[in-house]
C-alpha atoms as a PDB file:
ATOM      1  CA  MET A   1      79.674  89.698  74.472  1.00  0.00           C
ATOM      2  CA  ASN A   2      77.064  88.658  76.939  1.00  0.00           C
ATOM      3  CA  CYS A   3      76.937  86.438  80.151  1.00  0.00           C
ATOM      4  CA  PRO A   4      75.321  83.106  79.078  1.00  0.00           C
ATOM      5  CA  LYS A   5      73.366  82.839  82.399  1.00  0.00           C
ATOM      6  CA  CYS A   6      71.995  86.458  82.856  1.00  0.00           C
ATOM      7  CA  GLY A   7      72.639  88.134  79.493  1.00  0.00           C
ATOM      8  CA  SER A   8      74.626  91.095  80.974  1.00  0.00           C
ATOM      9  CA  ALA A   9      77.296  92.612  78.911  1.00  0.00           C
ATOM     10  CA  VAL A  10      80.856  91.435  79.638  1.00  0.00           C
ATOM     11  CA  THR A  11      84.164  91.896  78.147  1.00  0.00           C
ATOM     12  CA  GLN A  12      86.586  89.406  76.716  1.00  0.00           C
ATOM     13  CA  ASP A  13      88.899  89.586  79.709  1.00  0.00           C
ATOM     14  CA  ASP A  14      86.237  89.245  82.371  1.00  0.00           C
ATOM     15  CA  ARG A  15      86.551  86.000  84.315  1.00  0.00           C
ATOM     16  CA  PHE A  16      83.379  86.477  86.190  1.00  0.00           C
ATOM     17  CA  CYS A  17      80.004  88.184  85.369  1.00  0.00           C
ATOM     18  CA  GLY A  18      79.728  91.476  87.190  1.00  0.00           C
ATOM     19  CA  GLU A  19      75.951  90.944  87.541  1.00  0.00           C
ATOM     20  CA  CYS A  20      75.441  87.347  88.623  1.00  0.00           C
ATOM     21  CA  GLY A  21      78.995  86.308  89.373  1.00  0.00           C
ATOM     22  CA  GLU A  22      78.893  83.318  86.980  1.00  0.00           C
ATOM     23  CA  LYS A  23      82.443  82.158  86.175  1.00  0.00           C
ATOM     24  CA  LEU A  24      83.255  82.706  82.494  1.00  0.00           C
ATOM     25  CA  THR A  25      85.444  80.993  80.031  1.00  0.00           C
ATOM     26  CA  GLN A  26      86.336  82.090  76.579  1.00  0.00           C
ATOM     27  CA  THR A  27      86.170  79.494  73.863  1.00  0.00           C
ATOM     28  CA  ASP A  28      87.338  81.972  71.047  1.00  0.00           C
ATOM     29  CA  GLY A  29      87.500  85.618  70.364  1.00  0.00           C
ATOM     30  CA  ASN A  30      83.899  86.196  70.076  1.00  0.00           C
ATOM     31  CA  THR A  31      82.034  83.876  72.373  1.00  0.00           C
ATOM     32  CA  THR A  32      81.892  83.551  76.131  1.00  0.00           C
ATOM     33  CA  THR A  33      80.433  80.593  77.928  1.00  0.00           C
ATOM     34  CA  ALA A  34      79.870  79.518  81.521  1.00  0.00           C
ATOM     35  CA  ALA A  35      82.606  77.537  83.088  1.00  0.00           C
ATOM     36  CA  PRO A  36      81.536  74.121  84.178  1.00  0.00           C
ATOM     37  CA  ASN A  37      80.642  73.901  87.821  1.00  0.00           C
ATOM     38  CA  ASN A  38      80.992  70.320  89.164  1.00  0.00           C
ATOM     39  CA  ASN A  39      79.934  71.306  92.579  1.00  0.00           C
ATOM     40  CA  ASN A  40      76.637  72.687  91.385  1.00  0.00           C
ATOM     41  CA  GLU A  41      76.007  69.505  89.491  1.00  0.00           C
ATOM     42  CA  LYS A  42      76.858  67.405  92.537  1.00  0.00           C
ATOM     43  CA  VAL A  43      74.509  69.551  94.609  1.00  0.00           C
ATOM     44  CA  GLU A  44      71.768  69.134  92.151  1.00  0.00           C
ATOM     45  CA  LYS A  45      72.249  65.366  91.906  1.00  0.00           C
ATOM     46  CA  PHE A  46      72.240  65.151  95.655  1.00  0.00           C
ATOM     47  CA  LYS A  47      69.095  67.108  95.999  1.00  0.00           C
ATOM     48  CA  SER A  48      67.304  65.007  93.345  1.00  0.00           C
ATOM     49  CA  SER A  49      68.425  61.763  95.068  1.00  0.00           C
ATOM     50  CA  LEU A  50      67.162  63.145  98.344  1.00  0.00           C
ATOM     51  CA  ASN A  51      63.747  64.004  96.932  1.00  0.00           C
ATOM     52  CA  THR A  52      63.428  60.567  95.371  1.00  0.00           C
ATOM     53  CA  TYR A  53      64.372  59.016  98.592  1.00  0.00           C
ATOM     54  CA  LYS A  54      61.797  61.012 100.546  1.00  0.00           C
ATOM     55  CA  LYS A  55      59.177  60.171  98.137  1.00  0.00           C
ATOM     56  CA  ASP A  56      59.966  56.564  97.974  1.00  0.00           C
ATOM     57  CA  THR A  57      60.216  56.233 101.691  1.00  0.00           C
ATOM     58  CA  LEU A  58      56.838  58.160 102.232  1.00  0.00           C
ATOM     59  CA  ASN A  59      55.034  55.861  99.812  1.00  0.00           C
ATOM     60  CA  GLU A  60      56.426  52.705 101.280  1.00  0.00           C
ATOM     61  CA  SER A  61      55.740  53.843 104.894  1.00  0.00           C
ATOM     62  CA  LYS A  62      52.034  54.255 104.075  1.00  0.00           C
ATOM     63  CA  GLY A  63      51.655  50.634 103.049  1.00  0.00           C
ATOM     64  CA  PHE A  64      53.929  49.432 105.888  1.00  0.00           C
ATOM     65  CA  PHE A  65      51.866  50.937 108.718  1.00  0.00           C
ATOM     66  CA  LYS A  66      48.661  49.906 107.135  1.00  0.00           C
ATOM     67  CA  ASN A  67      49.580  46.240 106.493  1.00  0.00           C
ATOM     68  CA  ILE A  68      51.242  45.851 109.977  1.00  0.00           C
ATOM     69  CA  PHE A  69      48.368  47.210 112.009  1.00  0.00           C
ATOM     70  CA  THR A  70      45.520  45.480 109.972  1.00  0.00           C
ATOM     71  CA  ARG A  71      47.118  42.296 108.491  1.00  0.00           C
ATOM     72  CA  LEU A  72      50.320  41.373 110.167  1.00  0.00           C
ATOM     73  CA  ASP A  73      49.893  37.571 109.820  1.00  0.00           C
ATOM     74  CA  GLN A  74      49.138  37.832 106.074  1.00  0.00           C
ATOM     75  CA  GLU A  75      52.126  40.001 105.629  1.00  0.00           C
ATOM     76  CA  VAL A  76      54.382  37.606 107.294  1.00  0.00           C
ATOM     77  CA  MET A  77      53.018  34.655 105.275  1.00  0.00           C
ATOM     78  CA  SER A  78      53.438  36.584 101.979  1.00  0.00           C
ATOM     79  CA  GLN A  79      56.684  36.993 100.089  1.00  0.00           C
ATOM     80  CA  HIS A  80      56.523  40.721 100.449  1.00  0.00           C
ATOM     81  CA  THR A  81      59.685  42.626 101.669  1.00  0.00           C
ATOM     82  CA  TYR A  82      60.533  46.218 102.425  1.00  0.00           C
ATOM     83  CA  SER A  83      63.543  47.988 100.935  1.00  0.00           C
ATOM     84  CA  TYR A  84      66.625  48.259 103.023  1.00  0.00           C
ATOM     85  CA  LYS A  85      66.714  51.922 102.924  1.00  0.00           C
ATOM     86  CA  PHE A  86      63.244  51.949 104.333  1.00  0.00           C
ATOM     87  CA  ILE A  87      64.271  49.569 107.149  1.00  0.00           C
ATOM     88  CA  ALA A  88      67.368  51.668 107.818  1.00  0.00           C
ATOM     89  CA  SER A  89      65.004  54.808 108.000  1.00  0.00           C
ATOM     90  CA  LEU A  90      62.818  53.046 110.578  1.00  0.00           C
ATOM     91  CA  VAL A  91      65.738  52.083 112.753  1.00  0.00           C
ATOM     92  CA  GLY A  92      67.367  55.519 112.514  1.00  0.00           C
ATOM     93  CA  ALA A  93      64.060  57.126 113.441  1.00  0.00           C
ATOM     94  CA  GLY A  94      63.672  54.733 116.389  1.00  0.00           C
ATOM     95  CA  LEU A  95      67.328  55.360 117.697  1.00  0.00           C
ATOM     96  CA  LEU A  96      66.766  59.175 117.361  1.00  0.00           C
ATOM     97  CA  LEU A  97      63.519  59.073 119.331  1.00  0.00           C
ATOM     98  CA  LEU A  98      65.204  56.897 121.942  1.00  0.00           C
ATOM     99  CA  LEU A  99      68.063  59.364 122.085  1.00  0.00           C
ATOM    100  CA  ILE A 100      65.478  62.270 122.674  1.00  0.00           C
ATOM    101  CA  PHE A 101      63.839  60.354 125.443  1.00  0.00           C
ATOM    102  CA  LEU A 102      67.135  59.495 127.074  1.00  0.00           C
ATOM    103  CA  LEU A 103      68.265  63.144 127.153  1.00  0.00           C
ATOM    104  CA  ILE A 104      64.978  64.069 128.682  1.00  0.00           C
ATOM    105  CA  LEU A 105      64.886  61.291 131.344  1.00  0.00           C
ATOM    106  CA  VAL A 106      68.558  60.870 132.344  1.00  0.00           C
ATOM    107  CA  PRO A 107      69.287  63.377 135.061  1.00  0.00           C
ATOM    108  CA  ALA A 108      72.013  65.877 134.434  1.00  0.00           C
ATOM    109  CA  ASP A 109      73.126  66.259 138.110  1.00  0.00           C
ATOM    110  CA  LEU A 110      74.571  62.849 138.811  1.00  0.00           C
ATOM    111  CA  GLY A 111      76.737  62.167 141.665  1.00  0.00           C
ATOM    112  CA  MET A 112      80.478  62.703 141.683  1.00  0.00           C
ATOM    113  CA  TRP A 113      81.265  59.000 141.467  1.00  0.00           C
ATOM    114  CA  GLU A 114      78.637  58.424 138.835  1.00  0.00           C
ATOM    115  CA  PRO A 115      79.403  58.320 135.095  1.00  0.00           C
ATOM    116  CA  SER A 116      78.430  61.343 133.206  1.00  0.00           C
ATOM    117  CA  LYS A 117      74.978  61.729 131.427  1.00  0.00           C
ATOM    118  CA  SER A 118      76.459  61.519 127.934  1.00  0.00           C
ATOM    119  CA  SER A 119      78.253  58.340 128.967  1.00  0.00           C
ATOM    120  CA  ILE A 120      75.016  56.739 130.238  1.00  0.00           C
ATOM    121  CA  VAL A 121      73.141  57.718 127.045  1.00  0.00           C
ATOM    122  CA  PHE A 122      75.809  56.483 124.828  1.00  0.00           C
ATOM    123  CA  ARG A 123      75.965  53.102 126.501  1.00  0.00           C
ATOM    124  CA  ILE A 124      72.195  52.585 126.523  1.00  0.00           C
ATOM    125  CA  LEU A 125      72.123  53.503 122.661  1.00  0.00           C
ATOM    126  CA  ILE A 126      74.962  50.986 121.950  1.00  0.00           C
ATOM    127  CA  THR A 127      73.392  48.362 124.067  1.00  0.00           C
ATOM    128  CA  SER A 128      70.116  48.837 122.294  1.00  0.00           C
ATOM    129  CA  VAL A 129      71.747  48.457 118.752  1.00  0.00           C
ATOM    130  CA  VAL A 130      73.830  45.492 119.929  1.00  0.00           C
ATOM    131  CA  SER A 131      70.792  43.771 121.598  1.00  0.00           C
ATOM    132  CA  LEU A 132      68.671  44.092 118.527  1.00  0.00           C
ATOM    133  CA  ALA A 133      71.392  42.909 116.251  1.00  0.00           C
ATOM    134  CA  VAL A 134      71.943  39.840 118.355  1.00  0.00           C
ATOM    135  CA  LEU A 135      68.307  38.998 118.669  1.00  0.00           C
ATOM    136  CA  PHE A 136      67.970  39.139 114.835  1.00  0.00           C
ATOM    137  CA  GLY A 137      71.026  37.128 114.479  1.00  0.00           C
ATOM    138  CA  ILE A 138      69.754  34.377 116.746  1.00  0.00           C
ATOM    139  CA  THR A 139      66.440  34.507 114.931  1.00  0.00           C
ATOM    140  CA  LEU A 140      68.018  34.173 111.549  1.00  0.00           C
ATOM    141  CA  GLY A 141      70.372  31.449 112.703  1.00  0.00           C
ATOM    142  CA  ILE A 142      67.556  29.196 114.181  1.00  0.00           C
ATOM    143  CA  ILE A 143      65.476  29.724 111.040  1.00  0.00           C
ATOM    144  CA  LYS A 144      68.259  28.637 108.906  1.00  0.00           C
ATOM    145  CA  ILE A 145      68.833  25.594 111.213  1.00  0.00           C
ATOM    146  CA  LEU A 146      65.127  24.708 110.789  1.00  0.00           C
ATOM    147  CA  ASN A 147      65.856  24.832 106.981  1.00  0.00           C
ATOM    148  CA  VAL A 148      63.255  27.619 106.294  1.00  0.00           C
ATOM    149  CA  ASN A 149      63.706  28.706 102.637  1.00  0.00           C
ATOM    150  CA  LEU A 150      63.723  32.415 103.099  1.00  0.00           C
ATOM    151  CA  SER A 151      66.170  35.067 102.358  1.00  0.00           C
ATOM    152  CA  VAL A 152      67.812  37.312 104.952  1.00  0.00           C
ATOM    153  CA  HIS A 153      65.879  40.225 103.562  1.00  0.00           C
ATOM    154  CA  LYS A 154      62.523  38.649 104.094  1.00  0.00           C
ATOM    155  CA  VAL A 155      63.352  37.637 107.694  1.00  0.00           C
ATOM    156  CA  LEU A 156      64.641  41.149 108.427  1.00  0.00           C
ATOM    157  CA  SER A 157      61.340  42.693 107.011  1.00  0.00           C
ATOM    158  CA  ASP A 158      59.249  40.370 109.189  1.00  0.00           C
ATOM    159  CA  PHE A 159      61.432  40.985 112.224  1.00  0.00           C
ATOM    160  CA  ILE A 160      61.054  44.719 112.015  1.00  0.00           C
ATOM    161  CA  ALA A 161      57.291  44.466 111.086  1.00  0.00           C
ATOM    162  CA  PHE A 162      56.560  42.397 114.266  1.00  0.00           C
ATOM    163  CA  ASN A 163      58.663  44.492 116.660  1.00  0.00           C
ATOM    164  CA  LEU A 164      56.815  47.641 115.414  1.00  0.00           C
ATOM    165  CA  PHE A 165      54.340  46.712 118.172  1.00  0.00           C
ATOM    166  CA  SER A 166      57.259  46.212 120.747  1.00  0.00           C
ATOM    167  CA  THR A 167      58.627  49.633 119.817  1.00  0.00           C
ATOM    168  CA  VAL A 168      55.357  51.344 120.177  1.00  0.00           C
ATOM    169  CA  PHE A 169      54.743  50.040 123.614  1.00  0.00           C
ATOM    170  CA  PHE A 170      58.411  50.787 124.578  1.00  0.00           C
ATOM    171  CA  PHE A 171      58.032  54.438 123.630  1.00  0.00           C
ATOM    172  CA  LEU A 172      54.578  54.786 125.212  1.00  0.00           C
ATOM    173  CA  GLY A 173      56.258  53.587 128.463  1.00  0.00           C
ATOM    174  CA  MET A 174      59.052  56.206 127.935  1.00  0.00           C
ATOM    175  CA  LEU A 175      56.370  58.809 127.482  1.00  0.00           C
ATOM    176  CA  PHE A 176      54.522  58.003 130.676  1.00  0.00           C
ATOM    177  CA  MET A 177      57.839  57.943 132.416  1.00  0.00           C
ATOM    178  CA  ALA A 178      58.499  61.472 131.171  1.00  0.00           C
ATOM    179  CA  ILE A 179      55.135  62.623 132.504  1.00  0.00           C
ATOM    180  CA  LYS A 180      55.802  61.003 135.840  1.00  0.00           C
ATOM    181  CA  VAL A 181      53.502  57.940 135.731  1.00  0.00           C
ATOM    182  CA  PRO A 182      56.096  55.282 136.701  1.00  0.00           C
ATOM    183  CA  SER A 183      53.807  52.334 137.480  1.00  0.00           C
ATOM    184  CA  PHE A 184      52.053  52.361 134.023  1.00  0.00           C
ATOM    185  CA  ALA A 185      55.455  53.121 132.349  1.00  0.00           C
ATOM    186  CA  ALA A 186      56.931  50.108 133.921  1.00  0.00           C
ATOM    187  CA  ILE A 187      54.094  47.928 132.725  1.00  0.00           C
ATOM    188  CA  LEU A 188      54.444  49.131 129.132  1.00  0.00           C
ATOM    189  CA  ILE A 189      58.220  48.732 128.996  1.00  0.00           C
ATOM    190  CA  ILE A 190      58.114  45.268 130.452  1.00  0.00           C
ATOM    191  CA  LEU A 191      55.481  44.325 127.952  1.00  0.00           C
ATOM    192  CA  SER A 192      57.527  45.783 125.046  1.00  0.00           C
ATOM    193  CA  LEU A 193      60.576  43.701 126.207  1.00  0.00           C
ATOM    194  CA  LEU A 194      58.457  40.546 126.431  1.00  0.00           C
ATOM    195  CA  LEU A 195      57.313  41.177 122.824  1.00  0.00           C
ATOM    196  CA  PHE A 196      60.927  41.529 121.668  1.00  0.00           C
ATOM    197  CA  VAL A 197      61.818  38.224 123.169  1.00  0.00           C
ATOM    198  CA  ILE A 198      58.631  36.580 121.706  1.00  0.00           C
ATOM    199  CA  SER A 199      59.277  37.811 118.216  1.00  0.00           C
ATOM    200  CA  PRO A 200      61.673  35.060 117.113  1.00  0.00           C
ATOM    201  CA  ILE A 201      59.101  32.385 118.393  1.00  0.00           C
ATOM    202  CA  TYR A 202      56.239  34.053 116.484  1.00  0.00           C
ATOM    203  CA  LEU A 203      58.343  34.062 113.218  1.00  0.00           C
ATOM    204  CA  MET A 204      59.401  30.379 113.622  1.00  0.00           C
ATOM    205  CA  THR A 205      55.790  29.476 114.206  1.00  0.00           C
ATOM    206  CA  LYS A 206      54.472  31.270 111.254  1.00  0.00           C
ATOM    207  CA  TYR A 207      57.179  30.069 108.926  1.00  0.00           C
ATOM    208  CA  SER A 208      56.429  26.538 109.847  1.00  0.00           C
ATOM    209  CA  ASN A 209      52.974  26.703 108.332  1.00  0.00           C
ATOM    210  CA  HIS A 210      54.318  26.879 104.828  1.00  0.00           C
ATOM    211  CA  ASN A 211      57.821  25.496 104.870  1.00  0.00           C
ATOM    212  CA  ASN A 212      59.294  22.014 104.975  1.00  0.00           C
ATOM    213  CA  MET A 213      61.501  22.182 108.111  1.00  0.00           C
ATOM    214  CA  ARG A 214      64.199  19.996 109.024  1.00  0.00           C
ATOM    215  CA  MET A 215      62.833  19.432 112.451  1.00  0.00           C
ATOM    216  CA  ALA A 216      59.788  20.363 114.430  1.00  0.00           C
ATOM    217  CA  VAL A 217      59.349  24.026 115.241  1.00  0.00           C
ATOM    218  CA  ILE A 218      59.401  23.178 119.082  1.00  0.00           C
ATOM    219  CA  TYR A 219      63.029  22.170 118.810  1.00  0.00           C
ATOM    220  CA  GLY A 220      63.750  25.565 117.391  1.00  0.00           C
ATOM    221  CA  ILE A 221      62.010  27.266 120.172  1.00  0.00           C
ATOM    222  CA  LEU A 222      63.966  25.063 122.799  1.00  0.00           C
ATOM    223  CA  ILE A 223      67.338  26.170 120.972  1.00  0.00           C
ATOM    224  CA  TYR A 224      66.105  29.680 121.301  1.00  0.00           C
ATOM    225  CA  PHE A 225      65.523  29.462 125.007  1.00  0.00           C
ATOM    226  CA  VAL A 226      68.743  27.727 125.641  1.00  0.00           C
ATOM    227  CA  ILE A 227      70.689  30.517 123.913  1.00  0.00           C
ATOM    228  CA  ILE A 228      68.834  33.152 125.709  1.00  0.00           C
ATOM    229  CA  ALA A 229      69.422  31.471 128.999  1.00  0.00           C
ATOM    230  CA  ILE A 230      73.255  31.221 128.119  1.00  0.00           C
ATOM    231  CA  ILE A 231      73.295  34.915 127.357  1.00  0.00           C
ATOM    232  CA  LEU A 232      71.462  35.934 130.540  1.00  0.00           C
ATOM    233  CA  ARG A 233      73.799  33.841 132.638  1.00  0.00           C
ATOM    234  CA  ILE A 234      76.826  35.512 131.017  1.00  0.00           C
ATOM    235  CA  LEU A 235      75.224  38.997 131.728  1.00  0.00           C
ATOM    236  CA  VAL A 236      74.293  38.342 135.284  1.00  0.00           C
ATOM    237  CA  GLU A 237      77.762  36.879 136.044  1.00  0.00           C
ATOM    238  CA  ARG A 238      79.446  39.929 134.418  1.00  0.00           C
ATOM    239  CA  SER A 239      76.982  42.225 136.476  1.00  0.00           C
ATOM    240  CA  MET A 240      77.876  40.561 139.791  1.00  0.00           C
ATOM    241  CA  SER A 241      81.605  40.552 139.002  1.00  0.00           C
ATOM    242  CA  SER A 242      81.420  44.251 138.186  1.00  0.00           C
ATOM    243  CA  SER A 243      79.427  44.929 141.323  1.00  0.00           C
ATOM    244  CA  LEU A 244      81.938  42.918 143.483  1.00  0.00           C
ATOM    245  CA  GLU A 245      85.007  44.747 142.123  1.00  0.00           C
ATOM    246  CA  ILE A 246      83.295  48.184 142.831  1.00  0.00           C
ATOM    247  CA  LEU A 247      82.564  47.019 146.373  1.00  0.00           C
ATOM    248  CA  ASP A 248      86.088  45.623 146.782  1.00  0.00           C
ATOM    249  CA  SER A 249      87.615  49.019 145.582  1.00  0.00           C
ATOM    250  CA  LEU A 250      85.394  50.936 148.030  1.00  0.00           C
ATOM    251  CA  LEU A 251      86.281  48.682 150.849  1.00  0.00           C
ATOM    252  CA  ASN A 252      90.060  48.903 150.157  1.00  0.00           C
ATOM    253  CA  GLY A 253      89.684  52.645 149.892  1.00  0.00           C
ATOM    254  CA  TYR A 254      88.407  52.808 153.507  1.00  0.00           C
END
């Protein structure tokens, strides 16, 4: 009898091939076959899915960057959307890049009473994710209030597309901060934050050109500013409250 994988001679009592290590099983007295290996099948299936994912993502990214940098208005006005897996890849890449910059920029030798470097990095990452999610949620909610007939997928695609510019300016600012040019870095980071804030207004304005809205787009913008003002007020109050608590604890300690 021979091994079905490498052809080496095996005996009827062998459970594994002595040459290639293939697990053997006997179907009758004269034939030997390889035992099924579910793990190998799963690995091959995973590799195939991964290769397909890489190919699809690469092809979609080529069109994405070309369209955004050359014809953003037309892209937003069209019905074209990007796949959820591609959007997830962009967000994941952005968070990974943010993590790298934070690990470089946040100093390791913080004071005794300061939080650890890992704690600061984690808080900034969580804050960034939550802020983006809240901003998109506000954008989607106001667009639905205005009665714009668009899917969540379309709004998400356009939100990510516009904020590509915001992200580019933000990471350029982080880069200049890393090479010790703080003045220019501050300008770029502030500009990126302004673009993030402006993104819902841009989308509402563009959608108003080809949708029958329940109300004028100016009311949507006013609603947006009211929501942002409420959020800022809550954040400022929490920040002041936290600062007063720290100051009170320090004074009581003395």
